[in-house]
Amino acid sequence: MLKTFLIANRIATLLAVLISSAYTCQASANANNKHFSRFTDYPRKLVNQSDTLKSGMTLEGINTATPGKIILMYRYDASIKKAMPVSSKLIVVNGKAIEAGTIGGLEGSDYIIILNPDQGFKKYGKKGELGVIEANGTKITLLDIPPSPPSGPPPTYK
């Protein structure tokens, strides 16, 4: 009885070692596969991860709750009678600068890079002196400006 138990225990141990080594071999084979590469969703140039926007990151006037999507916060400017974004950063989508106040945000980007004022000035000159938000991707959708709040109380009907 004891001998049978020892043989069964050895067989179970051998089986566990074989299965774990098979998983290890499969994992190392998948590491070289392009579907498991860390940067397959990014273009060929490597993105500096420290500058890449992370969801939930705090930026003045910008909502970053959803990955790959930013929503600009607006406030009403009485001098031009128009809603303008709170953030004064230059927004660049796939290398093209977007004029302030023309979009409400963007979604569907592969990655978004935040440049500080020094980096923005070096790359974009005077336009980027307050910082830059670069969005890159093939399926980027520009969002509309949110509607302005109602100017007064709703009408009453008698």
N, C-alpha and C. Protein backbone atom coordinates (compact mmCIF):
# COMPACT_ATOMS: atom_id res chain seq x y z
N MET A 1 0.82 -1.19 0.00
CA MET A 1 0.00 0.00 0.00
C MET A 1 0.87 1.26 0.00
N LEU A 2 1.89 1.31 0.87
CA LEU A 2 2.79 2.45 0.93
C LEU A 2 3.57 2.60 -0.36
N LYS A 3 3.98 1.45 -0.93
CA LYS A 3 4.75 1.49 -2.18
C LYS A 3 3.89 2.06 -3.31
N THR A 4 2.63 1.69 -3.38
CA THR A 4 1.71 2.20 -4.41
C THR A 4 1.52 3.71 -4.24
N PHE A 5 1.40 4.16 -3.00
CA PHE A 5 1.24 5.58 -2.72
C PHE A 5 2.47 6.36 -3.17
N LEU A 6 3.68 5.85 -2.91
CA LEU A 6 4.91 6.53 -3.31
C LEU A 6 5.04 6.60 -4.83
N ILE A 7 4.67 5.52 -5.50
CA ILE A 7 4.74 5.50 -6.97
C ILE A 7 3.74 6.52 -7.55
N ALA A 8 2.54 6.58 -7.00
CA ALA A 8 1.53 7.53 -7.47
C ALA A 8 2.00 8.97 -7.23
N ASN A 9 2.63 9.21 -6.09
CA ASN A 9 3.14 10.54 -5.76
C ASN A 9 4.23 10.96 -6.74
N ARG A 10 5.13 10.02 -7.09
CA ARG A 10 6.20 10.32 -8.04
C ARG A 10 5.63 10.61 -9.43
N ILE A 11 4.63 9.84 -9.83
CA ILE A 11 4.01 10.05 -11.14
C ILE A 11 3.33 11.43 -11.18
N ALA A 12 2.65 11.81 -10.11
CA ALA A 12 1.99 13.12 -10.06
C ALA A 12 3.02 14.24 -10.13
N THR A 13 4.15 14.09 -9.43
CA THR A 13 5.20 15.10 -9.46
C THR A 13 5.80 15.21 -10.85
N LEU A 14 6.07 14.08 -11.48
CA LEU A 14 6.62 14.06 -12.83
C LEU A 14 5.65 14.72 -13.82
N LEU A 15 4.37 14.43 -13.68
CA LEU A 15 3.36 15.02 -14.55
C LEU A 15 3.30 16.55 -14.36
N ALA A 16 3.39 17.01 -13.12
CA ALA A 16 3.37 18.45 -12.85
C ALA A 16 4.59 19.13 -13.46
N VAL A 17 5.76 18.50 -13.38
CA VAL A 17 6.97 19.06 -13.96
C VAL A 17 6.85 19.13 -15.48
N LEU A 18 6.32 18.09 -16.09
CA LEU A 18 6.16 18.08 -17.55
C LEU A 18 5.18 19.16 -18.02
N ILE A 19 4.07 19.31 -17.32
CA ILE A 19 3.09 20.32 -17.71
C ILE A 19 3.65 21.72 -17.55
N SER A 20 4.33 21.99 -16.44
CA SER A 20 4.88 23.33 -16.23
C SER A 20 5.98 23.64 -17.25
N SER A 21 6.79 22.66 -17.61
CA SER A 21 7.82 22.92 -18.62
C SER A 21 7.19 23.15 -20.00
N ALA A 22 6.09 22.47 -20.29
CA ALA A 22 5.39 22.70 -21.56
C ALA A 22 4.83 24.12 -21.61
N TYR A 23 4.25 24.59 -20.52
CA TYR A 23 3.75 25.97 -20.47
C TYR A 23 4.88 26.98 -20.62
N THR A 24 6.03 26.69 -20.01
CA THR A 24 7.17 27.59 -20.11
C THR A 24 7.67 27.67 -21.55
N CYS A 25 7.75 26.53 -22.22
CA CYS A 25 8.18 26.52 -23.62
C CYS A 25 7.19 27.29 -24.50
N GLN A 26 5.90 27.10 -24.26
CA GLN A 26 4.89 27.79 -25.05
C GLN A 26 4.96 29.30 -24.81
N ALA A 27 5.17 29.71 -23.57
CA ALA A 27 5.25 31.14 -23.25
C ALA A 27 6.46 31.77 -23.91
N SER A 28 7.60 31.08 -23.92
CA SER A 28 8.79 31.65 -24.55
C SER A 28 8.63 31.70 -26.07
N ALA A 29 7.91 30.75 -26.64
CA ALA A 29 7.65 30.79 -28.08
C ALA A 29 6.72 31.96 -28.42
N ASN A 30 5.74 32.23 -27.55
CA ASN A 30 4.81 33.34 -27.79
C ASN A 30 5.48 34.69 -27.60
N ALA A 31 6.54 34.75 -26.81
CA ALA A 31 7.22 36.03 -26.58
C ALA A 31 7.83 36.56 -27.87
N ASN A 32 8.21 35.67 -28.78
CA ASN A 32 8.77 36.08 -30.06
C ASN A 32 7.70 36.31 -31.12
N ASN A 33 6.48 35.95 -30.81
CA ASN A 33 5.37 36.12 -31.74
C ASN A 33 4.94 37.58 -31.76
N LYS A 34 4.63 38.13 -32.93
CA LYS A 34 4.29 39.55 -33.02
C LYS A 34 2.99 39.88 -32.29
N HIS A 35 2.10 38.91 -32.09
CA HIS A 35 0.84 39.19 -31.41
C HIS A 35 1.03 39.42 -29.92
N PHE A 36 2.14 38.99 -29.36
CA PHE A 36 2.36 39.16 -27.94
C PHE A 36 3.42 40.22 -27.65
N SER A 37 3.85 40.94 -28.67
CA SER A 37 4.86 41.97 -28.47
C SER A 37 4.25 43.15 -27.72
N ARG A 38 5.05 43.83 -26.93
CA ARG A 38 4.56 44.92 -26.09
C ARG A 38 4.14 46.14 -26.91
N PHE A 39 4.77 46.39 -28.03
CA PHE A 39 4.51 47.61 -28.78
C PHE A 39 3.88 47.34 -30.14
N THR A 40 3.08 46.29 -30.28
CA THR A 40 2.49 46.01 -31.59
C THR A 40 1.46 47.04 -32.01
N ASP A 41 0.81 47.71 -31.07
CA ASP A 41 -0.21 48.69 -31.44
C ASP A 41 0.39 50.04 -31.80
N TYR A 42 1.67 50.22 -31.57
CA TYR A 42 2.31 51.49 -31.83
C TYR A 42 3.04 51.46 -33.17
N PRO A 43 3.26 52.62 -33.76
CA PRO A 43 4.03 52.66 -34.99
C PRO A 43 5.45 52.14 -34.77
N ARG A 44 6.22 52.09 -35.81
CA ARG A 44 7.55 51.48 -35.73
C ARG A 44 8.49 52.19 -34.78
N LYS A 45 8.36 53.51 -34.65
CA LYS A 45 9.25 54.19 -33.71
C LYS A 45 8.77 53.95 -32.29
N LEU A 46 9.69 53.78 -31.39
CA LEU A 46 9.38 53.48 -30.01
C LEU A 46 8.90 54.74 -29.30
N VAL A 47 7.86 54.62 -28.52
CA VAL A 47 7.29 55.75 -27.81
C VAL A 47 7.89 55.81 -26.42
N ASN A 48 8.32 57.00 -25.99
CA ASN A 48 8.85 57.19 -24.65
C ASN A 48 7.69 57.06 -23.67
N GLN A 49 7.68 56.02 -22.86
CA GLN A 49 6.56 55.73 -21.98
C GLN A 49 6.36 56.79 -20.91
N SER A 50 7.39 57.54 -20.52
CA SER A 50 7.22 58.53 -19.46
C SER A 50 6.40 59.73 -19.93
N ASP A 51 6.38 60.02 -21.23
CA ASP A 51 5.63 61.15 -21.75
C ASP A 51 4.23 60.76 -22.22
N THR A 52 3.94 59.46 -22.27
CA THR A 52 2.67 58.99 -22.80
C THR A 52 1.57 59.25 -21.78
N LEU A 53 0.44 59.75 -22.26
CA LEU A 53 -0.70 60.05 -21.40
C LEU A 53 -1.29 58.77 -20.85
N LYS A 54 -1.51 58.75 -19.56
CA LYS A 54 -2.15 57.61 -18.92
C LYS A 54 -3.55 58.03 -18.50
N SER A 55 -4.50 57.09 -18.56
CA SER A 55 -5.87 57.46 -18.20
C SER A 55 -5.92 57.83 -16.72
N GLY A 56 -6.73 58.81 -16.41
CA GLY A 56 -6.85 59.29 -15.04
C GLY A 56 -5.79 60.30 -14.66
N MET A 57 -4.93 60.66 -15.59
CA MET A 57 -3.88 61.64 -15.33
C MET A 57 -4.51 63.02 -15.17
N THR A 58 -4.00 63.83 -14.26
CA THR A 58 -4.56 65.14 -14.00
C THR A 58 -3.87 66.20 -14.85
N LEU A 59 -4.64 66.81 -15.73
CA LEU A 59 -4.17 67.93 -16.55
C LEU A 59 -5.22 69.02 -16.48
N GLU A 60 -4.80 70.25 -16.35
CA GLU A 60 -5.75 71.36 -16.21
C GLU A 60 -6.61 71.49 -17.47
N GLY A 61 -7.92 71.39 -17.28
CA GLY A 61 -8.86 71.59 -18.36
C GLY A 61 -9.03 70.41 -19.30
N ILE A 62 -8.49 69.24 -18.92
CA ILE A 62 -8.56 68.07 -19.80
C ILE A 62 -9.03 66.86 -19.00
N ASN A 63 -10.05 66.16 -19.50
CA ASN A 63 -10.55 64.94 -18.87
C ASN A 63 -9.89 63.76 -19.57
N THR A 64 -9.17 62.94 -18.80
CA THR A 64 -8.45 61.80 -19.36
C THR A 64 -8.91 60.49 -18.75
N ALA A 65 -10.18 60.37 -18.40
CA ALA A 65 -10.67 59.19 -17.70
C ALA A 65 -10.63 57.93 -18.55
N THR A 66 -10.79 58.04 -19.86
CA THR A 66 -10.83 56.89 -20.74
C THR A 66 -9.54 56.79 -21.54
N PRO A 67 -8.90 55.61 -21.58
CA PRO A 67 -7.66 55.47 -22.37
C PRO A 67 -7.91 55.76 -23.86
N GLY A 68 -6.99 56.50 -24.48
CA GLY A 68 -7.10 56.83 -25.90
C GLY A 68 -8.10 57.92 -26.20
N LYS A 69 -8.63 58.57 -25.17
CA LYS A 69 -9.65 59.60 -25.37
C LYS A 69 -9.37 60.77 -24.43
N ILE A 70 -9.47 61.98 -24.96
CA ILE A 70 -9.39 63.17 -24.11
C ILE A 70 -10.60 64.05 -24.42
N ILE A 71 -11.13 64.66 -23.38
CA ILE A 71 -12.25 65.58 -23.53
C ILE A 71 -11.81 66.91 -22.94
N LEU A 72 -11.92 67.96 -23.74
CA LEU A 72 -11.52 69.29 -23.30
C LEU A 72 -12.65 69.95 -22.52
N MET A 73 -12.30 70.62 -21.44
CA MET A 73 -13.28 71.37 -20.66
C MET A 73 -13.31 72.80 -21.19
N TYR A 74 -14.51 73.37 -21.27
CA TYR A 74 -14.70 74.71 -21.84
C TYR A 74 -15.24 75.68 -20.80
N ARG A 75 -14.95 76.96 -21.00
CA ARG A 75 -15.56 78.04 -20.22
C ARG A 75 -15.93 79.15 -21.21
N TYR A 76 -16.95 79.90 -20.84
CA TYR A 76 -17.46 80.95 -21.71
C TYR A 76 -16.57 82.18 -21.61
N ASP A 77 -16.14 82.69 -22.76
CA ASP A 77 -15.34 83.91 -22.81
C ASP A 77 -16.26 85.04 -23.27
N ALA A 78 -16.59 85.97 -22.36
CA ALA A 78 -17.54 87.04 -22.66
C ALA A 78 -17.01 88.03 -23.69
N SER A 79 -15.69 88.19 -23.77
CA SER A 79 -15.14 89.17 -24.70
C SER A 79 -15.35 88.77 -26.16
N ILE A 80 -15.28 87.48 -26.45
CA ILE A 80 -15.52 87.03 -27.83
C ILE A 80 -16.86 86.32 -27.97
N LYS A 81 -17.59 86.23 -26.86
CA LYS A 81 -18.91 85.58 -26.82
C LYS A 81 -18.86 84.17 -27.40
N LYS A 82 -17.91 83.40 -26.88
CA LYS A 82 -17.70 82.04 -27.38
C LYS A 82 -17.09 81.20 -26.26
N ALA A 83 -17.41 79.92 -26.25
CA ALA A 83 -16.80 79.01 -25.29
C ALA A 83 -15.39 78.68 -25.77
N MET A 84 -14.43 78.76 -24.87
CA MET A 84 -13.03 78.46 -25.19
C MET A 84 -12.51 77.40 -24.24
N PRO A 85 -11.57 76.57 -24.69
CA PRO A 85 -11.05 75.53 -23.81
C PRO A 85 -10.29 76.11 -22.63
N VAL A 86 -10.38 75.41 -21.49
CA VAL A 86 -9.67 75.84 -20.28
C VAL A 86 -8.17 75.65 -20.47
N SER A 87 -7.78 74.55 -21.08
CA SER A 87 -6.36 74.27 -21.32
C SER A 87 -5.85 75.11 -22.49
N SER A 88 -4.68 75.68 -22.33
CA SER A 88 -4.10 76.48 -23.41
C SER A 88 -3.03 75.73 -24.19
N LYS A 89 -2.96 74.40 -24.01
CA LYS A 89 -1.97 73.60 -24.72
C LYS A 89 -2.36 73.47 -26.20
N LEU A 90 -1.37 73.41 -27.05
CA LEU A 90 -1.58 73.18 -28.48
C LEU A 90 -1.95 71.71 -28.66
N ILE A 91 -2.95 71.42 -29.47
CA ILE A 91 -3.34 70.04 -29.75
C ILE A 91 -2.91 69.71 -31.17
N VAL A 92 -2.16 68.62 -31.31
CA VAL A 92 -1.66 68.19 -32.61
C VAL A 92 -2.17 66.77 -32.85
N VAL A 93 -2.88 66.57 -33.96
CA VAL A 93 -3.42 65.26 -34.31
C VAL A 93 -2.72 64.78 -35.57
N ASN A 94 -1.97 63.70 -35.44
CA ASN A 94 -1.22 63.11 -36.56
C ASN A 94 -0.36 64.16 -37.28
N GLY A 95 0.28 65.03 -36.51
CA GLY A 95 1.19 66.02 -37.07
C GLY A 95 0.55 67.32 -37.51
N LYS A 96 -0.78 67.44 -37.43
CA LYS A 96 -1.47 68.67 -37.84
C LYS A 96 -1.99 69.40 -36.61
N ALA A 97 -1.63 70.68 -36.48
CA ALA A 97 -2.08 71.48 -35.34
C ALA A 97 -3.57 71.80 -35.50
N ILE A 98 -4.30 71.70 -34.39
CA ILE A 98 -5.73 71.99 -34.37
C ILE A 98 -5.93 73.35 -33.69
N GLU A 99 -6.73 74.21 -34.30
CA GLU A 99 -6.98 75.54 -33.74
C GLU A 99 -7.78 75.42 -32.44
N ALA A 100 -7.41 76.22 -31.46
CA ALA A 100 -8.10 76.20 -30.16
C ALA A 100 -9.56 76.58 -30.33
N GLY A 101 -10.43 75.83 -29.67
CA GLY A 101 -11.86 76.13 -29.71
C GLY A 101 -12.61 75.51 -30.85
N THR A 102 -11.97 74.64 -31.64
CA THR A 102 -12.66 74.03 -32.78
C THR A 102 -13.07 72.59 -32.52
N ILE A 103 -12.50 71.94 -31.50
CA ILE A 103 -12.88 70.56 -31.17
C ILE A 103 -13.17 70.46 -29.68
N GLY A 104 -13.98 69.46 -29.33
CA GLY A 104 -14.31 69.22 -27.93
C GLY A 104 -13.47 68.13 -27.32
N GLY A 105 -12.69 67.47 -28.13
CA GLY A 105 -11.84 66.38 -27.66
C GLY A 105 -11.56 65.43 -28.81
N LEU A 106 -10.99 64.28 -28.48
CA LEU A 106 -10.73 63.28 -29.51
C LEU A 106 -10.75 61.90 -28.88
N GLU A 107 -11.01 60.90 -29.72
CA GLU A 107 -11.01 59.52 -29.24
C GLU A 107 -10.49 58.61 -30.33
N GLY A 108 -10.11 57.41 -29.94
CA GLY A 108 -9.62 56.42 -30.89
C GLY A 108 -8.15 56.53 -31.21
N SER A 109 -7.39 57.25 -30.39
CA SER A 109 -5.96 57.40 -30.67
C SER A 109 -5.19 56.19 -30.17
N ASP A 110 -4.11 55.86 -30.87
CA ASP A 110 -3.24 54.78 -30.43
C ASP A 110 -2.45 55.19 -29.20
N TYR A 111 -1.93 56.40 -29.23
CA TYR A 111 -1.25 56.93 -28.05
C TYR A 111 -1.28 58.45 -28.08
N ILE A 112 -1.19 59.02 -26.90
CA ILE A 112 -1.21 60.47 -26.73
C ILE A 112 0.03 60.86 -25.94
N ILE A 113 0.79 61.82 -26.45
CA ILE A 113 2.02 62.25 -25.79
C ILE A 113 1.85 63.69 -25.32
N ILE A 114 2.27 63.94 -24.09
CA ILE A 114 2.22 65.28 -23.51
C ILE A 114 3.62 65.87 -23.54
N LEU A 115 3.78 67.02 -24.16
CA LEU A 115 5.06 67.72 -24.17
C LEU A 115 4.97 68.93 -23.24
N ASN A 116 5.98 69.09 -22.39
CA ASN A 116 6.00 70.25 -21.50
C ASN A 116 6.31 71.50 -22.32
N PRO A 117 6.20 72.70 -21.74
CA PRO A 117 6.42 73.92 -22.52
C PRO A 117 7.79 74.00 -23.21
N ASP A 118 8.85 73.52 -22.56
CA ASP A 118 10.18 73.57 -23.19
C ASP A 118 10.24 72.67 -24.42
N GLN A 119 9.75 71.43 -24.27
CA GLN A 119 9.76 70.50 -25.40
C GLN A 119 8.83 70.99 -26.51
N GLY A 120 7.67 71.53 -26.13
CA GLY A 120 6.72 72.05 -27.12
C GLY A 120 7.29 73.21 -27.91
N PHE A 121 8.03 74.11 -27.22
CA PHE A 121 8.64 75.25 -27.91
C PHE A 121 9.72 74.79 -28.88
N LYS A 122 10.53 73.79 -28.48
CA LYS A 122 11.58 73.27 -29.36
C LYS A 122 10.99 72.64 -30.62
N LYS A 123 9.88 71.93 -30.46
CA LYS A 123 9.32 71.18 -31.58
C LYS A 123 8.37 72.02 -32.45
N TYR A 124 7.55 72.89 -31.82
CA TYR A 124 6.52 73.62 -32.57
C TYR A 124 6.69 75.14 -32.54
N GLY A 125 7.75 75.62 -31.92
CA GLY A 125 7.99 77.06 -31.89
C GLY A 125 7.02 77.79 -30.98
N LYS A 126 6.65 79.00 -31.39
CA LYS A 126 5.79 79.87 -30.57
C LYS A 126 4.44 79.23 -30.27
N LYS A 127 3.89 78.44 -31.21
CA LYS A 127 2.59 77.79 -30.99
C LYS A 127 2.62 76.82 -29.81
N GLY A 128 3.75 76.16 -29.60
CA GLY A 128 3.84 75.14 -28.56
C GLY A 128 4.47 75.61 -27.27
N GLU A 129 4.55 76.94 -27.07
CA GLU A 129 5.25 77.45 -25.89
C GLU A 129 4.52 77.19 -24.58
N LEU A 130 3.23 76.86 -24.62
CA LEU A 130 2.48 76.56 -23.40
C LEU A 130 2.32 75.06 -23.17
N GLY A 131 2.93 74.25 -24.01
CA GLY A 131 2.82 72.80 -23.92
C GLY A 131 2.04 72.27 -25.10
N VAL A 132 2.19 70.97 -25.35
CA VAL A 132 1.57 70.35 -26.52
C VAL A 132 0.98 69.01 -26.12
N ILE A 133 -0.16 68.68 -26.72
CA ILE A 133 -0.76 67.35 -26.61
C ILE A 133 -0.72 66.77 -28.02
N GLU A 134 0.07 65.71 -28.21
CA GLU A 134 0.18 65.06 -29.52
C GLU A 134 -0.63 63.77 -29.49
N ALA A 135 -1.56 63.62 -30.41
CA ALA A 135 -2.35 62.39 -30.54
C ALA A 135 -2.00 61.75 -31.87
N ASN A 136 -1.70 60.45 -31.82
CA ASN A 136 -1.35 59.73 -33.04
C ASN A 136 -2.19 58.47 -33.14
N GLY A 137 -2.63 58.17 -34.35
CA GLY A 137 -3.41 56.97 -34.58
C GLY A 137 -4.11 57.03 -35.93
N THR A 138 -4.56 55.89 -36.39
CA THR A 138 -5.22 55.82 -37.69
C THR A 138 -6.73 56.00 -37.60
N LYS A 139 -7.31 55.78 -36.41
CA LYS A 139 -8.76 55.84 -36.27
C LYS A 139 -9.20 56.95 -35.32
N ILE A 140 -8.53 58.09 -35.36
CA ILE A 140 -8.86 59.18 -34.45
C ILE A 140 -10.13 59.88 -34.94
N THR A 141 -11.05 60.11 -34.00
CA THR A 141 -12.28 60.84 -34.27
C THR A 141 -12.26 62.12 -33.45
N LEU A 142 -12.47 63.26 -34.10
CA LEU A 142 -12.54 64.54 -33.39
C LEU A 142 -13.96 64.73 -32.86
N LEU A 143 -14.08 65.09 -31.59
CA LEU A 143 -15.38 65.28 -30.96
C LEU A 143 -15.82 66.73 -31.08
N ASP A 144 -17.13 66.93 -31.14
CA ASP A 144 -17.69 68.28 -31.24
C ASP A 144 -17.58 69.01 -29.91
N ILE A 145 -17.66 70.32 -29.97
CA ILE A 145 -17.67 71.16 -28.77
C ILE A 145 -18.99 70.92 -28.05
N PRO A 146 -18.95 70.77 -26.72
CA PRO A 146 -20.21 70.56 -26.00
C PRO A 146 -21.11 71.78 -26.11
N PRO A 147 -22.43 71.57 -26.10
CA PRO A 147 -23.33 72.72 -26.22
C PRO A 147 -23.24 73.61 -24.98
N SER A 148 -23.53 74.88 -25.16
CA SER A 148 -23.47 75.81 -24.02
C SER A 148 -24.66 75.56 -23.10
N PRO A 149 -24.51 75.86 -21.82
CA PRO A 149 -25.62 75.67 -20.90
C PRO A 149 -26.74 76.66 -21.21
N PRO A 150 -27.96 76.37 -20.75
CA PRO A 150 -29.07 77.29 -21.03
C PRO A 150 -28.81 78.65 -20.40
N SER A 151 -29.26 79.70 -21.08
CA SER A 151 -28.99 81.06 -20.62
C SER A 151 -29.93 81.51 -19.50
N GLY A 152 -31.03 80.86 -19.32
CA GLY A 152 -31.99 81.26 -18.28
C GLY A 152 -32.86 80.09 -17.89
N PRO A 153 -33.85 80.34 -17.06
CA PRO A 153 -34.74 79.25 -16.65
C PRO A 153 -35.62 78.82 -17.83
N PRO A 154 -36.11 77.61 -17.79
CA PRO A 154 -36.96 77.14 -18.88
C PRO A 154 -38.27 77.94 -18.91
N PRO A 155 -38.88 78.03 -20.08
CA PRO A 155 -40.13 78.78 -20.17
C PRO A 155 -41.26 78.08 -19.41
N THR A 156 -42.16 78.86 -18.89
CA THR A 156 -43.32 78.29 -18.19
C THR A 156 -44.55 78.43 -19.09
N TYR A 157 -45.38 77.44 -19.06
CA TYR A 157 -46.60 77.42 -19.89
C TYR A 157 -47.81 77.46 -18.98
N LYS A 158 -48.80 78.22 -19.38
CA LYS A 158 -50.04 78.31 -18.59
C LYS A 158 -51.17 77.64 -19.31
